[in-house]
Amino acid sequence: AFLASLILASKFMQDKCYSNRAWAKLSGLPPREIGRCERALGEALEWRLWVGKLPAAQSTSGRSLAKCR
């Protein structure tokens, strides 16, 4: 989940970001796994990447990232 968080944060904050292939090379994971984990986290957060005043626990409403390891 940490790597997926880092990838989503990077893509959210930068206009030009690393590709999933580059992240795969940096992490040693297959590119498909990078994409799968990124999508799993994005879906769990309902693609709400902006951190506002509400606690994160209220926005995820109990969704789990257990499938992304």
PDB file of N, CA and C in Angstrom:
ATOM      1  N   ALA A   1       0.830  -1.194   0.000  1.00  0.00           N
ATOM      2  CA  ALA A   1       0.000   0.000   0.000  1.00  0.00           C
ATOM      3  C   ALA A   1       0.875   1.258   0.000  1.00  0.00           C
ATOM      4  N   PHE A   2       2.085   1.165   0.607  1.00  0.00           N
ATOM      5  CA  PHE A   2       2.955   2.341   0.639  1.00  0.00           C
ATOM      6  C   PHE A   2       3.372   2.749  -0.769  1.00  0.00           C
ATOM      7  N   LEU A   3       3.786   1.783  -1.577  1.00  0.00           N
ATOM      8  CA  LEU A   3       4.233   2.103  -2.933  1.00  0.00           C
ATOM      9  C   LEU A   3       3.083   2.686  -3.749  1.00  0.00           C
ATOM     10  N   ALA A   4       1.897   2.097  -3.627  1.00  0.00           N
ATOM     11  CA  ALA A   4       0.731   2.617  -4.350  1.00  0.00           C
ATOM     12  C   ALA A   4       0.426   4.044  -3.903  1.00  0.00           C
ATOM     13  N   SER A   5       0.562   4.323  -2.619  1.00  0.00           N
ATOM     14  CA  SER A   5       0.347   5.685  -2.106  1.00  0.00           C
ATOM     15  C   SER A   5       1.360   6.650  -2.698  1.00  0.00           C
ATOM     16  N   LEU A   6       2.596   6.224  -2.756  1.00  0.00           N
ATOM     17  CA  LEU A   6       3.656   7.057  -3.319  1.00  0.00           C
ATOM     18  C   LEU A   6       3.400   7.340  -4.799  1.00  0.00           C
ATOM     19  N   ILE A   7       2.994   6.330  -5.537  1.00  0.00           N
ATOM     20  CA  ILE A   7       2.721   6.488  -6.970  1.00  0.00           C
ATOM     21  C   ILE A   7       1.554   7.440  -7.193  1.00  0.00           C
ATOM     22  N   LEU A   8       0.447   7.218  -6.474  1.00  0.00           N
ATOM     23  CA  LEU A   8      -0.718   8.090  -6.639  1.00  0.00           C
ATOM     24  C   LEU A   8      -0.389   9.529  -6.248  1.00  0.00           C
ATOM     25  N   ALA A   9       0.345   9.706  -5.166  1.00  0.00           N
ATOM     26  CA  ALA A   9       0.726  11.060  -4.746  1.00  0.00           C
ATOM     27  C   ALA A   9       1.601  11.726  -5.803  1.00  0.00           C
ATOM     28  N   SER A  10       2.521  10.977  -6.360  1.00  0.00           N
ATOM     29  CA  SER A  10       3.403  11.510  -7.390  1.00  0.00           C
ATOM     30  C   SER A  10       2.607  11.924  -8.628  1.00  0.00           C
ATOM     31  N   LYS A  11       1.703  11.061  -9.071  1.00  0.00           N
ATOM     32  CA  LYS A  11       0.899  11.367 -10.257  1.00  0.00           C
ATOM     33  C   LYS A  11      -0.055  12.531  -9.998  1.00  0.00           C
ATOM     34  N   PHE A  12      -0.549  12.636  -8.775  1.00  0.00           N
ATOM     35  CA  PHE A  12      -1.477  13.710  -8.421  1.00  0.00           C
ATOM     36  C   PHE A  12      -0.772  15.065  -8.380  1.00  0.00           C
ATOM     37  N   MET A  13       0.455  15.086  -7.879  1.00  0.00           N
ATOM     38  CA  MET A  13       1.153  16.347  -7.650  1.00  0.00           C
ATOM     39  C   MET A  13       2.001  16.830  -8.832  1.00  0.00           C
ATOM     40  N   GLN A  14       2.396  15.934  -9.725  1.00  0.00           N
ATOM     41  CA  GLN A  14       3.308  16.319 -10.798  1.00  0.00           C
ATOM     42  C   GLN A  14       2.638  16.190 -12.157  1.00  0.00           C
ATOM     43  N   ASP A  15       2.877  17.172 -13.017  1.00  0.00           N
ATOM     44  CA  ASP A  15       2.346  17.102 -14.374  1.00  0.00           C
ATOM     45  C   ASP A  15       3.038  16.010 -15.181  1.00  0.00           C
ATOM     46  N   LYS A  16       4.329  15.855 -14.966  1.00  0.00           N
ATOM     47  CA  LYS A  16       5.090  14.818 -15.661  1.00  0.00           C
ATOM     48  C   LYS A  16       5.573  13.838 -14.606  1.00  0.00           C
ATOM     49  N   CYS A  17       5.144  12.592 -14.724  1.00  0.00           N
ATOM     50  CA  CYS A  17       5.471  11.621 -13.677  1.00  0.00           C
ATOM     51  C   CYS A  17       6.062  10.354 -14.297  1.00  0.00           C
ATOM     52  N   TYR A  18       6.581   9.503 -13.430  1.00  0.00           N
ATOM     53  CA  TYR A  18       7.140   8.227 -13.876  1.00  0.00           C
ATOM     54  C   TYR A  18       6.037   7.328 -14.425  1.00  0.00           C
ATOM     55  N   SER A  19       6.372   6.515 -15.403  1.00  0.00           N
ATOM     56  CA  SER A  19       5.434   5.520 -15.925  1.00  0.00           C
ATOM     57  C   SER A  19       5.395   4.326 -14.973  1.00  0.00           C
ATOM     58  N   ASN A  20       4.379   3.489 -15.142  1.00  0.00           N
ATOM     59  CA  ASN A  20       4.308   2.276 -14.324  1.00  0.00           C
ATOM     60  C   ASN A  20       5.495   1.364 -14.604  1.00  0.00           C
ATOM     61  N   ARG A  21       5.992   1.387 -15.819  1.00  0.00           N
ATOM     62  CA  ARG A  21       7.179   0.592 -16.151  1.00  0.00           C
ATOM     63  C   ARG A  21       8.391   1.083 -15.356  1.00  0.00           C
ATOM     64  N   ALA A  22       8.529   2.401 -15.223  1.00  0.00           N
ATOM     65  CA  ALA A  22       9.637   2.953 -14.429  1.00  0.00           C
ATOM     66  C   ALA A  22       9.481   2.592 -12.955  1.00  0.00           C
ATOM     67  N   TRP A  23       8.251   2.697 -12.423  1.00  0.00           N
ATOM     68  CA  TRP A  23       8.010   2.306 -11.028  1.00  0.00           C
ATOM     69  C   TRP A  23       8.316   0.825 -10.830  1.00  0.00           C
ATOM     70  N   ALA A  24       7.978   0.016 -11.816  1.00  0.00           N
ATOM     71  CA  ALA A  24       8.250  -1.422 -11.729  1.00  0.00           C
ATOM     72  C   ALA A  24       9.756  -1.675 -11.667  1.00  0.00           C
ATOM     73  N   LYS A  25      10.494  -0.966 -12.486  1.00  0.00           N
ATOM     74  CA  LYS A  25      11.949  -1.130 -12.487  1.00  0.00           C
ATOM     75  C   LYS A  25      12.551  -0.686 -11.151  1.00  0.00           C
ATOM     76  N   LEU A  26      12.050   0.412 -10.600  1.00  0.00           N
ATOM     77  CA  LEU A  26      12.540   0.918  -9.315  1.00  0.00           C
ATOM     78  C   LEU A  26      12.201  -0.012  -8.155  1.00  0.00           C
ATOM     79  N   SER A  27      11.017  -0.634  -8.210  1.00  0.00           N
ATOM     80  CA  SER A  27      10.542  -1.446  -7.080  1.00  0.00           C
ATOM     81  C   SER A  27      10.847  -2.931  -7.214  1.00  0.00           C
ATOM     82  N   GLY A  28      11.101  -3.388  -8.443  1.00  0.00           N
ATOM     83  CA  GLY A  28      11.324  -4.813  -8.652  1.00  0.00           C
ATOM     84  C   GLY A  28      10.041  -5.612  -8.812  1.00  0.00           C
ATOM     85  N   LEU A  29       8.910  -4.927  -8.899  1.00  0.00           N
ATOM     86  CA  LEU A  29       7.618  -5.590  -9.107  1.00  0.00           C
ATOM     87  C   LEU A  29       7.248  -5.539 -10.582  1.00  0.00           C
ATOM     88  N   PRO A  30       6.412  -6.473 -11.045  1.00  0.00           N
ATOM     89  CA  PRO A  30       5.962  -6.421 -12.440  1.00  0.00           C
ATOM     90  C   PRO A  30       5.071  -5.193 -12.685  1.00  0.00           C
ATOM     91  N   PRO A  31       5.130  -4.613 -13.883  1.00  0.00           N
ATOM     92  CA  PRO A  31       4.304  -3.434 -14.186  1.00  0.00           C
ATOM     93  C   PRO A  31       2.809  -3.652 -13.954  1.00  0.00           C
ATOM     94  N   ARG A  32       2.323  -4.847 -14.259  1.00  0.00           N
ATOM     95  CA  ARG A  32       0.890  -5.117 -14.040  1.00  0.00           C
ATOM     96  C   ARG A  32       0.525  -5.047 -12.565  1.00  0.00           C
ATOM     97  N   GLU A  33       1.437  -5.505 -11.702  1.00  0.00           N
ATOM     98  CA  GLU A  33       1.202  -5.450 -10.257  1.00  0.00           C
ATOM     99  C   GLU A  33       1.173  -4.000  -9.778  1.00  0.00           C
ATOM    100  N   ILE A  34       2.037  -3.177 -10.336  1.00  0.00           N
ATOM    101  CA  ILE A  34       2.050  -1.750 -10.005  1.00  0.00           C
ATOM    102  C   ILE A  34       0.692  -1.138 -10.351  1.00  0.00           C
ATOM    103  N   GLY A  35       0.226  -1.391 -11.552  1.00  0.00           N
ATOM    104  CA  GLY A  35      -1.066  -0.855 -11.985  1.00  0.00           C
ATOM    105  C   GLY A  35      -2.220  -1.376 -11.156  1.00  0.00           C
ATOM    106  N   ARG A  36      -2.173  -2.658 -10.820  1.00  0.00           N
ATOM    107  CA  ARG A  36      -3.252  -3.261 -10.032  1.00  0.00           C
ATOM    108  C   ARG A  36      -3.321  -2.645  -8.636  1.00  0.00           C
ATOM    109  N   CYS A  37      -2.175  -2.480  -8.008  1.00  0.00           N
ATOM    110  CA  CYS A  37      -2.138  -1.881  -6.668  1.00  0.00           C
ATOM    111  C   CYS A  37      -2.560  -0.415  -6.704  1.00  0.00           C
ATOM    112  N   GLU A  38      -2.134   0.286  -7.736  1.00  0.00           N
ATOM    113  CA  GLU A  38      -2.517   1.693  -7.885  1.00  0.00           C
ATOM    114  C   GLU A  38      -4.035   1.822  -8.036  1.00  0.00           C
ATOM    115  N   ARG A  39      -4.624   0.975  -8.870  1.00  0.00           N
ATOM    116  CA  ARG A  39      -6.081   1.010  -9.050  1.00  0.00           C
ATOM    117  C   ARG A  39      -6.820   0.607  -7.784  1.00  0.00           C
ATOM    118  N   ALA A  40      -6.308  -0.408  -7.083  1.00  0.00           N
ATOM    119  CA  ALA A  40      -6.958  -0.862  -5.846  1.00  0.00           C
ATOM    120  C   ALA A  40      -6.990   0.257  -4.809  1.00  0.00           C
ATOM    121  N   LEU A  41      -5.882   0.962  -4.654  1.00  0.00           N
ATOM    122  CA  LEU A  41      -5.845   2.065  -3.696  1.00  0.00           C
ATOM    123  C   LEU A  41      -6.737   3.213  -4.161  1.00  0.00           C
ATOM    124  N   GLY A  42      -6.659   3.540  -5.434  1.00  0.00           N
ATOM    125  CA  GLY A  42      -7.506   4.611  -5.971  1.00  0.00           C
ATOM    126  C   GLY A  42      -8.982   4.319  -5.780  1.00  0.00           C
ATOM    127  N   GLU A  43      -9.380   3.092  -6.057  1.00  0.00           N
ATOM    128  CA  GLU A  43     -10.781   2.712  -5.873  1.00  0.00           C
ATOM    129  C   GLU A  43     -11.170   2.722  -4.403  1.00  0.00           C
ATOM    130  N   ALA A  44     -10.282   2.264  -3.528  1.00  0.00           N
ATOM    131  CA  ALA A  44     -10.573   2.268  -2.087  1.00  0.00           C
ATOM    132  C   ALA A  44     -10.760   3.694  -1.574  1.00  0.00           C
ATOM    133  N   LEU A  45     -10.020   4.623  -2.154  1.00  0.00           N
ATOM    134  CA  LEU A  45     -10.143   6.035  -1.765  1.00  0.00           C
ATOM    135  C   LEU A  45     -11.205   6.760  -2.581  1.00  0.00           C
ATOM    136  N   GLU A  46     -11.891   6.007  -3.455  1.00  0.00           N
ATOM    137  CA  GLU A  46     -12.879   6.567  -4.383  1.00  0.00           C
ATOM    138  C   GLU A  46     -12.260   7.688  -5.220  1.00  0.00           C
ATOM    139  N   TRP A  47     -10.972   7.552  -5.510  1.00  0.00           N
ATOM    140  CA  TRP A  47     -10.181   8.482  -6.319  1.00  0.00           C
ATOM    141  C   TRP A  47     -10.206   9.896  -5.745  1.00  0.00           C
ATOM    142  N   ARG A  48     -10.461  10.007  -4.458  1.00  0.00           N
ATOM    143  CA  ARG A  48     -10.412  11.309  -3.773  1.00  0.00           C
ATOM    144  C   ARG A  48      -9.017  11.462  -3.177  1.00  0.00           C
ATOM    145  N   LEU A  49      -8.139  12.066  -3.932  1.00  0.00           N
ATOM    146  CA  LEU A  49      -6.743  12.160  -3.518  1.00  0.00           C
ATOM    147  C   LEU A  49      -6.418  13.456  -2.790  1.00  0.00           C
ATOM    148  N   TRP A  50      -7.305  14.425  -2.869  1.00  0.00           N
ATOM    149  CA  TRP A  50      -7.070  15.685  -2.178  1.00  0.00           C
ATOM    150  C   TRP A  50      -7.357  15.500  -0.702  1.00  0.00           C
ATOM    151  N   VAL A  51      -6.431  15.888   0.149  1.00  0.00           N
ATOM    152  CA  VAL A  51      -6.613  15.767   1.591  1.00  0.00           C
ATOM    153  C   VAL A  51      -7.218  17.067   2.095  1.00  0.00           C
ATOM    154  N   GLY A  52      -8.422  16.949   2.636  1.00  0.00           N
ATOM    155  CA  GLY A  52      -9.108  18.128   3.150  1.00  0.00           C
ATOM    156  C   GLY A  52      -9.239  18.064   4.655  1.00  0.00           C
ATOM    157  N   LYS A  53     -10.306  18.645   5.173  1.00  0.00           N
ATOM    158  CA  LYS A  53     -10.501  18.723   6.613  1.00  0.00           C
ATOM    159  C   LYS A  53     -11.136  17.476   7.213  1.00  0.00           C
ATOM    160  N   LEU A  54     -11.779  16.629   6.398  1.00  0.00           N
ATOM    161  CA  LEU A  54     -12.390  15.410   6.925  1.00  0.00           C
ATOM    162  C   LEU A  54     -11.334  14.351   7.186  1.00  0.00           C
ATOM    163  N   PRO A  55     -11.449  13.602   8.277  1.00  0.00           N
ATOM    164  CA  PRO A  55     -10.513  12.490   8.512  1.00  0.00           C
ATOM    165  C   PRO A  55     -10.622  11.452   7.399  1.00  0.00           C
ATOM    166  N   ALA A  56      -9.524  10.831   7.054  1.00  0.00           N
ATOM    167  CA  ALA A  56      -9.497   9.841   5.972  1.00  0.00           C
ATOM    168  C   ALA A  56     -10.447   8.690   6.248  1.00  0.00           C
ATOM    169  N   ALA A  57     -10.636   8.311   7.502  1.00  0.00           N
ATOM    170  CA  ALA A  57     -11.510   7.188   7.845  1.00  0.00           C
ATOM    171  C   ALA A  57     -12.942   7.437   7.393  1.00  0.00           C
ATOM    172  N   GLN A  58     -13.392   8.673   7.362  1.00  0.00           N
ATOM    173  CA  GLN A  58     -14.752   8.975   6.931  1.00  0.00           C
ATOM    174  C   GLN A  58     -14.914   8.815   5.429  1.00  0.00           C
ATOM    175  N   SER A  59     -13.872   9.059   4.662  1.00  0.00           N
ATOM    176  CA  SER A  59     -13.996   9.006   3.210  1.00  0.00           C
ATOM    177  C   SER A  59     -13.860   7.600   2.643  1.00  0.00           C
ATOM    178  N   THR A  60     -13.205   6.683   3.356  1.00  0.00           N
ATOM    179  CA  THR A  60     -13.024   5.339   2.812  1.00  0.00           C
ATOM    180  C   THR A  60     -14.119   4.385   3.249  1.00  0.00           C
ATOM    181  N   SER A  61     -14.838   4.703   4.287  1.00  0.00           N
ATOM    182  CA  SER A  61     -15.976   3.929   4.787  1.00  0.00           C
ATOM    183  C   SER A  61     -15.721   2.426   4.854  1.00  0.00           C
ATOM    184  N   GLY A  62     -14.582   2.036   5.396  1.00  0.00           N
ATOM    185  CA  GLY A  62     -14.322   0.626   5.671  1.00  0.00           C
ATOM    186  C   GLY A  62     -13.819  -0.207   4.514  1.00  0.00           C
ATOM    187  N   ARG A  63     -13.438   0.381   3.409  1.00  0.00           N
ATOM    188  CA  ARG A  63     -12.927  -0.413   2.287  1.00  0.00           C
ATOM    189  C   ARG A  63     -11.549  -0.961   2.638  1.00  0.00           C
ATOM    190  N   SER A  64     -11.245  -2.122   2.094  1.00  0.00           N
ATOM    191  CA  SER A  64      -9.993  -2.794   2.436  1.00  0.00           C
ATOM    192  C   SER A  64      -9.048  -2.847   1.244  1.00  0.00           C
ATOM    193  N   LEU A  65      -7.761  -2.788   1.532  1.00  0.00           N
ATOM    194  CA  LEU A  65      -6.733  -2.938   0.501  1.00  0.00           C
ATOM    195  C   LEU A  65      -6.060  -4.296   0.602  1.00  0.00           C
ATOM    196  N   ALA A  66      -6.710  -5.256   1.237  1.00  0.00           N
ATOM    197  CA  ALA A  66      -6.097  -6.558   1.485  1.00  0.00           C
ATOM    198  C   ALA A  66      -5.704  -7.276   0.196  1.00  0.00           C
ATOM    199  N   LYS A  67      -6.367  -7.006  -0.915  1.00  0.00           N
ATOM    200  CA  LYS A  67      -6.061  -7.693  -2.171  1.00  0.00           C
ATOM    201  C   LYS A  67      -4.744  -7.232  -2.775  1.00  0.00           C
ATOM    202  N   CYS A  68      -4.277  -6.061  -2.400  1.00  0.00           N
ATOM    203  CA  CYS A  68      -3.047  -5.505  -2.954  1.00  0.00           C
ATOM    204  C   CYS A  68      -1.902  -5.750  -1.986  1.00  0.00           C
ATOM    205  N   ARG A  69      -1.033  -6.694  -2.308  1.00  0.00           N
ATOM    206  CA  ARG A  69       0.096  -7.022  -1.425  1.00  0.00           C
ATOM    207  C   ARG A  69       1.394  -6.920  -2.161  1.00  0.00           C
TER     208      ARG A  69
END
